[in-house]
Structures are given as structure tokens and as C-alpha cells.
Amino acid sequence: MGCESPGGSGGYNPGKTIEEARENLKETIHLVLEVRRENTEKELNGREVIREPIEV
């Protein structure tokens, strides 16, 4: 099984089962969001940020 993450992150997530592929995809999305968050924090350079959780 394989699946790709949306949004052009380039994540390809093979798995032996559909469940494994889904878990790999979740991990990839979390990692992409973490890197984007870190990059945004660097760009903001100490300015105030409002963070709110969102569930998708």
C-alpha cells in the first residue's frame, strides 16, 4: 500500500497494510507541520503569536 500527503510535501508513505500506510501518512503530516512551524517561528523573530489548536 502507498499514499501521498497532500499539499506538495513530497511525502510518500508505503506500508504493508492500509492501516500502516495511514499511520505513516499521519507521521509525515506531523513532521511537515513541525518543520513549517519552526520555520515560521524563525521568520517571526520574537513577535507575538496566537496559537489555537484545530482538529481536522
Protein backbone atom coordinates (compact mmCIF):
# COMPACT_ATOMS: atom_id res chain seq x y z
CA MET A 1 0.00 0.00 0.00
CA GLY A 2 1.11 3.54 -0.57
CA CYS A 3 -0.29 7.02 -0.22
CA GLU A 4 0.89 10.56 -0.77
CA SER A 5 0.47 13.50 1.55
CA PRO A 6 -1.45 16.47 0.12
CA GLY A 7 -0.03 19.95 -0.19
CA GLY A 8 3.09 19.12 -2.11
CA SER A 9 5.16 17.96 0.86
CA GLY A 10 6.52 15.14 -1.27
CA GLY A 11 5.70 12.55 1.35
CA TYR A 12 5.24 9.03 0.00
CA ASN A 13 4.27 6.62 2.71
CA PRO A 14 4.39 2.95 1.86
CA GLY A 15 3.01 0.39 4.26
CA LYS A 16 2.33 -3.32 4.27
CA THR A 17 -1.33 -2.64 5.06
CA ILE A 18 -3.69 0.29 4.56
CA GLU A 19 -3.59 0.90 8.32
CA GLU A 20 0.21 1.10 8.29
CA ALA A 21 0.14 3.44 5.30
CA ARG A 22 -2.34 5.70 7.15
CA GLU A 23 -0.14 5.81 10.26
CA ASN A 24 2.92 6.60 8.12
CA LEU A 25 0.96 9.38 6.42
CA LYS A 26 -0.06 10.85 9.79
CA GLU A 27 3.57 10.85 10.90
CA THR A 28 4.65 12.57 7.69
CA ILE A 29 2.00 15.27 8.07
CA HIS A 30 3.02 15.88 11.70
CA LEU A 31 6.67 16.22 10.68
CA VAL A 32 5.85 18.61 7.82
CA LEU A 33 3.76 20.78 10.14
CA GLU A 34 6.50 20.77 12.78
CA VAL A 35 9.13 21.95 10.28
CA ARG A 36 6.80 24.64 8.91
CA ARG A 37 6.05 25.82 12.46
CA GLU A 38 9.75 26.05 13.28
CA ASN A 39 10.46 27.97 10.08
CA THR A 40 7.58 30.37 10.76
CA GLU A 41 8.80 31.00 14.31
CA LYS A 42 12.23 31.92 12.93
CA GLU A 43 10.65 34.29 10.42
CA LEU A 44 8.53 35.97 13.11
CA ASN A 45 11.68 36.77 15.06
CA GLY A 46 10.13 37.12 18.52
CA ARG A 47 6.86 38.81 17.51
CA GLU A 48 3.71 37.87 19.40
CA VAL A 49 1.92 34.80 18.08
CA ILE A 50 -1.54 33.48 18.90
CA ARG A 51 -1.81 29.71 18.75
CA GLU A 52 -5.01 27.75 18.84
CA PRO A 53 -5.45 24.00 18.41
CA ILE A 54 -7.51 22.82 15.47
CA GLU A 55 -8.75 19.34 14.76
CA VAL A 56 -9.11 18.14 11.20
